[in-house]
Amino acid sequence: MRPLVVVGDALLDVDLVGTASRLTPDAPVPVVEHVETRERPGGAALAAVVAARATRRQVVLVTPMADDEDADRLRALLAGRVRLVEIPATGGTAVKRRVRVGDHSVARIDSGAPVVSLGALPAEAAAVIRDAASVLVADYGRGTTADAAVRALLGEAGGPVVWDPHPRGADPVPSARLVTPNGAEAARVAADAGVAAAGDGLAAVGARAEALIRHWGVGAVAVTLGARGALLSYGEGAPMVVPATPVTGGDPCGAGDSFAAAAALALADGAVTGEAVAAAVASAGSFVARGGASAWDAADVVEPDVVTEPGVDGVIARVRASGGTVVATGGCFDLLHPGHVATLRAARGLGDCLVVCINSDDSVRRLKGPSRPLVTAADRARVLEALEFVDAVVVFDEDTPAEVIGRLRPDVWAKGGDYAGADLPEAAVLRRWGGQAVVLPYLDGHSTTALVERSRV
């Protein structure tokens, strides 16, 4: 299997995380105490490790590396995760140190020369780029993408090139399949090219994207818009807009790297550009929900036979971190009707988030018969996720939700129907951690089975 190759500027990111309860006597600034140091790959190095977690392909990082202690620490963080191909460089390793109090940055201290001087490209770099299934250029403005030898080699890439630009970086090579600026970057470059579309509406973003394609001569531009998703333009015709799934809280640091890495991986697997952008939007949202760059090395834990949507763990973690109440409910939800809506709305009112556990297609067939479900689990999940009072959806394959309840450990399990006074089967599982099973009033006269029977008359 051919590799994904990441080319760009590797950084060392350091978070100095502490607490602050007082100001200094000589200035109105906080005193940060009990500081914990957390190091992680940054820049192109973060893009590479994010990609490596999401694929079975080998991920190769081609990047300038200095000869200093910070470079050694970065090498140690990358070891065993990606294959590193070093370009000799002078100018020191770029280090970004963020002083943080809880989830908030107080200051950032940068070190390392703004621009590095590259030595000769190793033959190994040329070989991996020419053999790549796709290439992600993660430009962080330190001069790698302006190097003539690097640019010539990118023009010979073996697969499609995705270019994640930087305000201080070089223009993408014309052979790039997809360029992924954020909204501010797109506005700046478009203005330099003489297109100063006012505002941040879709019409203005689309005009800027078309201008960038003409300016750079590239295949397509996907302008990332944060919580609004992304707009993809091919330079003419109606652009494609991919909305993002809303994410509450989360650290957006590194979301752009996750977006570009996912797009490059999708193209490597044979996706068309539109499919790659849709996959990238979903990946960036999941990345933020899991904690962003600060959770770069967190293990993905998925129990057998329980499929958890990417944002579920992040939703639950954020609610628990703030001392909130996690509510869960379950069912087939084959045809969503007013009875379901009433129960779900009431369940959400019991806490600070609602996770809906739905039976898989096989599970529904075992429970309801071979003619069910009428709607696939994937589509049922999409419909439920669209409801404003549903925060996440989990699909489980067992006949009962006991196993998935045990994994999610909600504070409240809500069940709709005429069960008042009865001991719910799920109650025994909830008792293990002090959770509570409750019954909610059910809107009488509504059921999927009744709907199906009436449709046959």
Protein backbone atom coordinates (compact mmCIF):
# COMPACT_ATOMS: atom_id res chain seq x y z
CA MET A 1 0.00 0.00 0.00
CA ARG A 2 1.47 3.33 -1.06
CA PRO A 3 2.08 5.86 1.74
CA LEU A 4 0.57 9.19 2.60
CA VAL A 5 3.40 11.74 2.61
CA VAL A 6 3.25 14.93 4.66
CA VAL A 7 5.62 17.72 3.61
CA GLY A 8 6.05 20.87 5.66
CA ASP A 9 7.28 22.55 8.80
CA ALA A 10 7.35 20.45 11.97
CA LEU A 11 6.98 22.33 15.24
CA LEU A 12 7.17 21.43 18.91
CA ASP A 13 4.10 22.56 20.84
CA VAL A 14 4.37 22.88 24.62
CA ASP A 15 1.46 23.62 26.93
CA LEU A 16 2.34 24.97 30.37
CA VAL A 17 -0.91 24.29 32.22
CA GLY A 18 -1.49 25.61 35.72
CA THR A 19 -3.92 27.33 38.06
CA ALA A 20 -4.37 31.03 38.78
CA SER A 21 -6.13 32.48 41.81
CA ARG A 22 -4.38 35.83 42.27
CA LEU A 23 -2.74 38.72 40.40
CA THR A 24 0.84 39.86 40.77
CA PRO A 25 1.27 42.90 43.06
CA ASP A 26 3.22 44.85 40.43
CA ALA A 27 0.91 44.37 37.40
CA PRO A 28 -2.65 43.23 36.64
CA VAL A 29 -1.56 39.81 35.37
CA PRO A 30 -2.31 36.38 36.85
CA VAL A 31 0.17 34.34 38.80
CA VAL A 32 0.19 30.85 37.25
CA GLU A 33 1.11 28.13 39.74
CA HIS A 34 1.34 24.34 39.92
CA VAL A 35 2.42 24.22 36.28
CA GLU A 36 2.36 20.94 34.35
CA THR A 37 4.34 20.69 31.09
CA ARG A 38 2.70 18.86 28.18
CA GLU A 39 4.57 18.41 24.90
CA ARG A 40 3.16 17.35 21.54
CA PRO A 41 4.02 17.47 17.83
CA GLY A 42 2.89 20.65 16.10
CA GLY A 43 2.53 21.96 12.56
CA ALA A 44 3.21 19.36 9.89
CA ALA A 45 4.17 16.89 12.63
CA LEU A 46 0.70 17.11 14.17
CA ALA A 47 -0.90 16.63 10.75
CA ALA A 48 1.22 13.50 10.27
CA VAL A 49 0.33 11.86 13.61
CA VAL A 50 -3.36 12.72 13.17
CA ALA A 51 -3.29 11.06 9.75
CA ALA A 52 -1.41 8.03 11.10
CA ARG A 53 -4.14 7.42 13.71
CA ALA A 54 -6.78 7.36 10.98
CA THR A 55 -5.23 5.00 8.42
CA ARG A 56 -3.43 1.71 7.92
CA ARG A 57 -1.23 3.34 5.32
CA GLN A 58 2.29 4.25 6.29
CA VAL A 59 2.56 7.99 6.93
CA VAL A 60 5.87 9.62 6.04
CA LEU A 61 6.80 13.08 7.30
CA VAL A 62 9.31 14.98 5.15
CA THR A 63 10.43 18.02 7.11
CA PRO A 64 13.45 20.21 7.91
CA MET A 65 15.04 19.24 11.21
CA ALA A 66 17.64 21.19 13.14
CA ASP A 67 20.32 19.74 15.39
CA ASP A 68 19.20 20.80 18.85
CA GLU A 69 17.55 19.45 21.99
CA ASP A 70 14.06 20.55 20.92
CA ALA A 71 14.44 18.57 17.69
CA ASP A 72 15.43 15.52 19.73
CA ARG A 73 12.28 15.88 21.82
CA LEU A 74 10.19 16.16 18.67
CA ARG A 75 11.84 13.05 17.21
CA ALA A 76 10.98 11.15 20.39
CA LEU A 77 7.32 12.19 20.14
CA LEU A 78 7.15 10.99 16.53
CA ALA A 79 8.98 7.70 17.07
CA GLY A 80 6.79 4.70 16.36
CA ARG A 81 4.01 6.84 14.94
CA VAL A 82 5.28 8.10 11.59
CA ARG A 83 8.29 7.51 9.41
CA LEU A 84 10.52 10.59 9.57
CA VAL A 85 12.55 11.75 6.56
CA GLU A 86 14.70 14.69 7.64
CA ILE A 87 15.88 17.58 5.48
CA PRO A 88 19.03 19.10 7.05
CA ALA A 89 18.27 22.62 8.25
CA THR A 90 19.65 25.49 10.30
CA GLY A 91 17.67 28.05 12.25
CA GLY A 92 16.62 25.98 15.23
CA THR A 93 13.46 24.06 16.01
CA ALA A 94 10.33 26.18 16.18
CA VAL A 95 8.72 25.86 19.61
CA LYS A 96 5.36 27.34 20.59
CA ARG A 97 4.83 27.47 24.34
CA ARG A 98 1.31 28.28 25.48
CA VAL A 99 0.77 29.31 29.10
CA ARG A 100 -2.70 28.05 29.97
CA VAL A 101 -4.99 28.26 32.95
CA GLY A 102 -7.49 25.45 32.58
CA ASP A 103 -8.81 25.65 29.04
CA HIS A 104 -7.75 29.26 28.46
CA SER A 105 -4.46 30.52 27.03
CA VAL A 106 -2.84 33.37 28.95
CA ALA A 107 0.22 33.90 26.74
CA ARG A 108 2.27 32.26 23.99
CA ILE A 109 6.05 32.28 23.85
CA ASP A 110 7.68 31.38 20.50
CA SER A 111 11.28 30.46 19.82
CA GLY A 112 13.24 29.39 16.74
CA ALA A 113 14.08 31.37 13.64
CA PRO A 114 11.06 32.54 11.60
CA VAL A 115 12.61 31.02 8.46
CA VAL A 116 14.97 28.07 8.23
CA SER A 117 17.71 27.40 5.71
CA LEU A 118 17.37 24.00 4.03
CA GLY A 119 20.24 21.78 3.01
CA ALA A 120 20.21 19.35 0.11
CA LEU A 121 17.11 17.16 -0.20
CA PRO A 122 17.90 13.53 0.63
CA ALA A 123 17.24 10.96 -2.08
CA GLU A 124 14.79 9.26 0.28
CA ALA A 125 12.55 12.36 0.25
CA ALA A 126 12.35 12.33 -3.55
CA ALA A 127 11.57 8.60 -3.58
CA VAL A 128 8.69 8.73 -1.07
CA ILE A 129 7.04 11.77 -2.67
CA ARG A 130 7.14 10.19 -6.13
CA ASP A 131 5.66 6.98 -4.70
CA ALA A 132 2.98 8.67 -2.58
CA ALA A 133 -0.69 7.74 -2.77
CA SER A 134 -1.28 11.39 -1.89
CA VAL A 135 0.76 14.27 -0.51
CA LEU A 136 -0.30 16.72 2.18
CA VAL A 137 1.62 19.98 2.24
CA ALA A 138 1.32 21.44 5.75
CA ASP A 139 2.81 24.91 5.36
CA TYR A 140 3.64 26.77 8.57
CA GLY A 141 5.54 29.63 6.95
CA ARG A 142 9.13 28.66 7.78
CA GLY A 143 10.32 28.51 4.18
CA THR A 144 9.97 24.83 3.28
CA THR A 145 7.34 25.40 0.59
CA ALA A 146 9.35 28.25 -0.97
CA ASP A 147 12.41 26.06 -1.54
CA ALA A 148 12.89 25.52 -5.28
CA ALA A 149 13.94 21.88 -4.92
CA VAL A 150 10.93 21.08 -2.71
CA ARG A 151 8.53 22.75 -5.12
CA ALA A 152 9.97 20.90 -8.10
CA LEU A 153 9.61 17.62 -6.27
CA LEU A 154 6.00 18.35 -5.30
CA GLY A 155 5.26 18.81 -8.98
CA GLU A 156 6.34 15.19 -9.49
CA ALA A 157 4.20 13.75 -6.67
CA GLY A 158 2.86 10.28 -7.33
CA GLY A 159 -0.65 11.11 -6.09
CA PRO A 160 -2.95 14.11 -5.60
CA VAL A 161 -1.57 17.03 -3.60
CA VAL A 162 -3.57 18.70 -0.81
CA TRP A 163 -2.07 22.07 0.18
CA ASP A 164 -2.83 23.60 3.59
CA PRO A 165 -1.51 27.17 3.18
CA HIS A 166 -0.08 29.68 5.66
CA PRO A 167 -0.14 33.50 5.58
CA ARG A 168 3.68 33.60 5.48
CA GLY A 169 4.02 30.61 3.16
CA ALA A 170 4.54 30.26 -0.56
CA ASP A 171 1.77 29.89 -3.12
CA PRO A 172 0.61 26.31 -3.79
CA VAL A 173 2.12 24.57 -6.79
CA PRO A 174 -0.30 24.65 -9.77
CA SER A 175 -0.53 20.85 -9.77
CA ALA A 176 -2.27 20.87 -6.36
CA ARG A 177 -5.61 19.06 -6.48
CA LEU A 178 -7.05 20.83 -3.42
CA VAL A 179 -6.05 23.89 -1.37
CA THR A 180 -7.59 24.34 2.10
CA PRO A 181 -7.30 27.93 3.40
CA ASN A 182 -9.40 29.08 6.31
CA GLY A 183 -11.76 32.01 5.92
CA ALA A 184 -9.25 34.67 7.00
CA GLU A 185 -6.50 33.28 4.76
CA ALA A 186 -8.84 33.15 1.78
CA ALA A 187 -9.93 36.76 2.35
CA ARG A 188 -6.34 38.00 2.60
CA VAL A 189 -5.09 36.27 -0.56
CA ALA A 190 -8.23 37.19 -2.52
CA ALA A 191 -7.77 40.85 -1.52
CA ASP A 192 -4.14 40.70 -2.69
CA ALA A 193 -5.45 39.31 -5.99
CA GLY A 194 -7.85 42.25 -6.34
CA VAL A 195 -11.04 40.56 -5.12
CA ALA A 196 -12.29 42.25 -1.96
CA ALA A 197 -15.71 40.65 -1.45
CA ALA A 198 -17.37 42.18 1.59
CA GLY A 199 -18.68 40.15 4.50
CA ASP A 200 -18.44 36.49 5.40
CA GLY A 201 -21.61 35.19 3.76
CA LEU A 202 -21.49 32.26 1.37
CA ALA A 203 -21.59 34.56 -1.68
CA ALA A 204 -18.48 36.40 -0.50
CA VAL A 205 -16.66 33.20 0.45
CA GLY A 206 -17.54 31.65 -2.92
CA ALA A 207 -16.24 34.69 -4.79
CA ARG A 208 -12.96 34.52 -2.89
CA ALA A 209 -12.60 30.80 -3.57
CA GLU A 210 -13.07 31.37 -7.31
CA ALA A 211 -10.50 34.15 -7.20
CA LEU A 212 -7.98 31.90 -5.45
CA ILE A 213 -8.36 29.20 -8.09
CA ARG A 214 -7.66 31.74 -10.83
CA HIS A 215 -4.80 33.26 -8.83
CA TRP A 216 -3.08 29.99 -7.98
CA GLY A 217 -4.12 27.92 -10.99
CA VAL A 218 -5.04 24.95 -8.76
CA GLY A 219 -7.77 22.35 -9.19
CA ALA A 220 -10.09 23.27 -6.31
CA VAL A 221 -10.26 25.36 -3.15
CA ALA A 222 -12.05 24.35 0.04
CA VAL A 223 -12.42 27.31 2.39
CA THR A 224 -12.78 26.04 5.95
CA LEU A 225 -15.32 28.00 8.00
CA GLY A 226 -14.98 26.52 11.47
CA ALA A 227 -18.35 25.59 12.97
CA ARG A 228 -20.02 26.43 9.63
CA GLY A 229 -18.19 23.63 7.79
CA ALA A 230 -16.47 24.24 4.44
CA LEU A 231 -17.19 25.67 0.99
CA LEU A 232 -15.70 23.82 -1.99
CA SER A 233 -15.26 25.60 -5.33
CA TYR A 234 -13.89 24.37 -8.64
CA GLY A 235 -13.71 27.91 -10.02
CA GLU A 236 -17.04 27.97 -11.81
CA GLY A 237 -20.61 26.86 -11.23
CA ALA A 238 -22.33 26.51 -7.88
CA PRO A 239 -19.96 25.72 -4.99
CA MET A 240 -20.56 22.77 -2.69
CA VAL A 241 -21.16 23.63 0.97
CA VAL A 242 -20.55 20.91 3.57
CA PRO A 243 -22.13 21.88 6.92
CA ALA A 244 -20.39 20.81 10.11
CA THR A 245 -22.04 18.86 12.90
CA PRO A 246 -22.29 21.26 15.87
CA VAL A 247 -19.68 20.64 18.58
CA THR A 248 -20.17 22.10 22.05
CA GLY A 249 -16.91 23.32 23.55
CA GLY A 250 -13.74 21.51 22.51
CA ASP A 251 -10.35 22.93 21.59
CA PRO A 252 -10.20 23.93 17.89
CA CYS A 253 -6.39 23.99 17.92
CA GLY A 254 -5.25 21.59 15.18
CA ALA A 255 -8.66 21.31 13.50
CA GLY A 256 -7.21 22.61 10.24
CA ASP A 257 -4.52 19.94 10.30
CA SER A 258 -7.16 17.28 10.93
CA PHE A 259 -9.26 18.61 8.02
CA ALA A 260 -6.36 18.61 5.56
CA ALA A 261 -5.10 15.19 6.69
CA ALA A 262 -8.54 13.62 6.28
CA ALA A 263 -8.93 15.12 2.80
CA ALA A 264 -5.52 13.79 1.74
CA LEU A 265 -6.33 10.32 3.08
CA ALA A 266 -9.68 10.25 1.29
CA LEU A 267 -8.04 11.19 -2.01
CA ALA A 268 -5.41 8.51 -1.44
CA ASP A 269 -8.23 5.98 -1.10
CA GLY A 270 -9.75 7.04 -4.43
CA ALA A 271 -12.40 9.54 -3.32
CA VAL A 272 -13.37 12.41 -5.61
CA THR A 273 -12.68 15.90 -4.30
CA GLY A 274 -16.21 16.53 -3.02
CA GLU A 275 -16.20 13.26 -1.08
CA ALA A 276 -12.80 14.13 0.37
CA VAL A 277 -14.03 17.51 1.63
CA ALA A 278 -17.14 15.95 3.20
CA ALA A 279 -14.94 13.41 5.00
CA ALA A 280 -12.61 16.21 6.11
CA VAL A 281 -15.42 18.26 7.67
CA ALA A 282 -16.61 15.23 9.65
CA SER A 283 -13.07 14.41 10.75
CA ALA A 284 -12.34 17.96 11.93
CA GLY A 285 -15.54 18.01 13.99
CA SER A 286 -14.68 14.69 15.61
CA PHE A 287 -11.14 15.91 16.28
CA VAL A 288 -12.41 18.97 18.14
CA ALA A 289 -14.98 16.90 20.05
CA ARG A 290 -12.25 14.52 21.27
CA GLY A 291 -10.28 17.42 22.74
CA GLY A 292 -8.36 18.78 19.76
CA ALA A 293 -4.58 18.85 19.59
CA SER A 294 -4.22 18.40 23.34
CA ALA A 295 -5.64 14.87 22.95
CA TRP A 296 -3.34 13.95 20.06
CA ASP A 297 -2.08 10.77 21.74
CA ALA A 298 -5.30 9.68 23.43
CA ALA A 299 -6.25 6.10 22.65
CA ASP A 300 -9.47 5.47 20.76
CA VAL A 301 -11.38 2.91 22.84
CA VAL A 302 -14.32 1.16 21.15
CA GLU A 303 -15.85 -1.87 22.79
CA PRO A 304 -16.70 -4.88 20.58
CA ASP A 305 -20.19 -4.79 19.01
CA VAL A 306 -20.79 -1.21 20.18
CA VAL A 307 -20.38 1.44 17.51
CA THR A 308 -19.90 4.87 19.04
CA GLU A 309 -20.16 7.96 16.89
CA PRO A 310 -16.96 10.07 17.12
CA GLY A 311 -18.49 12.92 19.16
CA VAL A 312 -20.14 10.85 21.91
CA ASP A 313 -17.15 10.52 24.21
CA GLY A 314 -16.32 14.20 23.83
CA VAL A 315 -19.88 15.25 24.66
CA ILE A 316 -19.96 13.10 27.79
CA ALA A 317 -16.50 14.19 28.92
CA ARG A 318 -17.34 17.88 28.64
CA VAL A 319 -20.60 17.51 30.57
CA ARG A 320 -18.93 15.55 33.35
CA ALA A 321 -16.02 17.99 33.53
CA SER A 322 -18.50 20.78 34.29
CA GLY A 323 -20.38 18.71 36.86
CA GLY A 324 -23.40 18.19 34.61
CA THR A 325 -25.82 15.30 34.26
CA VAL A 326 -25.58 12.78 31.40
CA VAL A 327 -28.94 11.41 30.24
CA ALA A 328 -29.36 8.47 27.87
CA THR A 329 -32.32 6.75 26.30
CA GLY A 330 -32.79 3.98 23.77
CA GLY A 331 -34.99 2.29 21.22
CA CYS A 332 -35.33 1.33 17.57
CA PHE A 333 -36.68 4.72 16.38
CA ASP A 334 -37.54 3.10 13.05
CA LEU A 335 -40.00 5.79 11.96
CA LEU A 336 -39.63 8.95 14.01
CA HIS A 337 -43.09 10.11 15.15
CA PRO A 338 -44.55 12.60 17.68
CA GLY A 339 -44.38 10.03 20.48
CA HIS A 340 -40.61 9.70 20.00
CA VAL A 341 -40.16 13.48 19.82
CA ALA A 342 -42.10 14.06 23.05
CA THR A 343 -40.07 11.43 24.91
CA LEU A 344 -36.73 12.66 23.62
CA ARG A 345 -37.52 16.27 24.46
CA ALA A 346 -38.57 15.29 27.98
CA ALA A 347 -35.43 13.17 28.44
CA ARG A 348 -33.16 16.06 27.43
CA GLY A 349 -34.85 18.20 30.07
CA LEU A 350 -33.57 15.86 32.79
CA GLY A 351 -29.92 16.79 32.35
CA ASP A 352 -27.22 18.57 30.36
CA CYS A 353 -26.89 16.24 27.38
CA LEU A 354 -28.88 13.45 25.77
CA VAL A 355 -27.31 10.36 24.20
CA VAL A 356 -29.70 8.19 22.18
CA CYS A 357 -28.80 4.49 21.90
CA ILE A 358 -30.43 2.83 18.88
CA ASN A 359 -30.65 -0.81 17.87
CA SER A 360 -28.63 -1.84 14.84
CA ASP A 361 -30.41 -3.22 11.78
CA ASP A 362 -29.70 -6.83 12.81
CA SER A 363 -30.93 -6.13 16.33
CA VAL A 364 -34.18 -4.61 15.03
CA ARG A 365 -34.76 -7.66 12.79
CA ARG A 366 -34.39 -9.98 15.74
CA LEU A 367 -36.80 -7.93 17.83
CA LYS A 368 -39.39 -6.85 15.24
CA GLY A 369 -39.21 -9.47 12.47
CA PRO A 370 -37.62 -9.76 9.02
CA SER A 371 -39.62 -6.85 7.53
CA ARG A 372 -38.02 -4.35 9.88
CA PRO A 373 -36.31 -1.96 10.08
CA LEU A 374 -37.88 0.27 7.47
CA VAL A 375 -35.00 2.74 7.82
CA THR A 376 -31.32 1.79 8.14
CA ALA A 377 -29.40 2.51 11.33
CA ALA A 378 -27.21 5.08 9.57
CA ASP A 379 -30.25 7.03 8.38
CA ARG A 380 -32.05 6.69 11.71
CA ALA A 381 -28.96 8.13 13.41
CA ARG A 382 -28.82 11.06 10.99
CA VAL A 383 -32.46 11.96 11.63
CA LEU A 384 -32.02 11.79 15.41
CA GLU A 385 -28.80 13.84 15.33
CA ALA A 386 -30.69 16.58 13.49
CA LEU A 387 -32.95 17.14 16.52
CA GLU A 388 -31.79 20.08 18.62
CA PHE A 389 -32.35 18.19 21.88
CA VAL A 390 -30.21 15.17 20.86
CA ASP A 391 -26.50 15.60 21.53
CA ALA A 392 -25.17 12.25 20.28
CA VAL A 393 -26.27 8.87 18.91
CA VAL A 394 -24.82 5.40 19.55
CA VAL A 395 -25.69 2.25 17.55
CA PHE A 396 -25.57 -1.08 19.43
CA ASP A 397 -25.96 -4.62 18.11
CA GLU A 398 -27.28 -6.51 21.14
CA ASP A 399 -30.97 -7.17 21.87
CA THR A 400 -30.84 -4.91 24.94
CA PRO A 401 -28.85 -1.74 25.60
CA ALA A 402 -27.28 -3.12 28.78
CA GLU A 403 -23.75 -3.30 27.35
CA VAL A 404 -23.74 0.16 25.84
CA ILE A 405 -25.23 1.61 29.02
CA GLY A 406 -22.38 0.00 30.95
CA ARG A 407 -19.85 1.67 28.68
CA LEU A 408 -21.41 5.12 28.63
CA ARG A 409 -22.36 5.07 32.36
CA PRO A 410 -25.10 7.74 32.14
CA ASP A 411 -26.41 9.37 35.30
CA VAL A 412 -30.00 8.90 34.12
CA TRP A 413 -31.56 6.29 31.81
CA ALA A 414 -34.94 7.48 30.56
CA LYS A 415 -37.54 5.15 29.11
CA GLY A 416 -40.80 6.17 27.50
CA GLY A 417 -43.95 4.09 27.96
CA ASP A 418 -46.25 2.57 30.55
CA TYR A 419 -43.60 1.23 32.93
CA ALA A 420 -44.40 3.31 36.01
CA GLY A 421 -43.95 1.25 39.17
CA ALA A 422 -42.13 -1.54 37.33
CA ASP A 423 -38.46 -2.34 37.78
CA LEU A 424 -36.90 -1.56 34.40
CA PRO A 425 -34.44 -4.18 33.08
CA GLU A 426 -31.79 -1.46 32.69
CA ALA A 427 -32.11 -0.36 36.33
CA ALA A 428 -29.76 -3.07 37.60
CA VAL A 429 -26.98 -1.83 35.32
CA LEU A 430 -27.48 1.79 36.44
CA ARG A 431 -27.20 0.81 40.11
CA ARG A 432 -23.56 -0.21 39.63
CA TRP A 433 -22.45 3.44 39.62
CA GLY A 434 -25.40 5.09 41.33
CA GLY A 435 -27.32 5.98 38.17
CA GLN A 436 -31.10 6.18 38.05
CA ALA A 437 -33.59 4.63 35.61
CA VAL A 438 -36.75 6.66 35.14
CA VAL A 439 -39.99 6.40 33.15
CA LEU A 440 -41.30 9.27 31.03
CA PRO A 441 -44.91 9.82 29.95
CA TYR A 442 -45.54 8.47 26.46
CA LEU A 443 -47.68 10.37 23.96
CA ASP A 444 -50.61 8.00 23.56
CA GLY A 445 -51.77 6.77 20.18
CA HIS A 446 -48.41 6.85 18.42
CA SER A 447 -46.20 3.87 17.55
CA THR A 448 -44.17 2.73 14.59
CA THR A 449 -46.03 -0.58 14.45
CA ALA A 450 -49.37 1.24 14.30
CA LEU A 451 -48.07 3.49 11.53
CA VAL A 452 -46.96 0.47 9.51
CA GLU A 453 -50.30 -1.30 9.98
CA ARG A 454 -52.27 1.78 8.92
CA SER A 455 -50.11 2.14 5.77
CA ARG A 456 -51.14 -1.37 4.72
CA VAL A 457 -54.87 -0.63 4.84
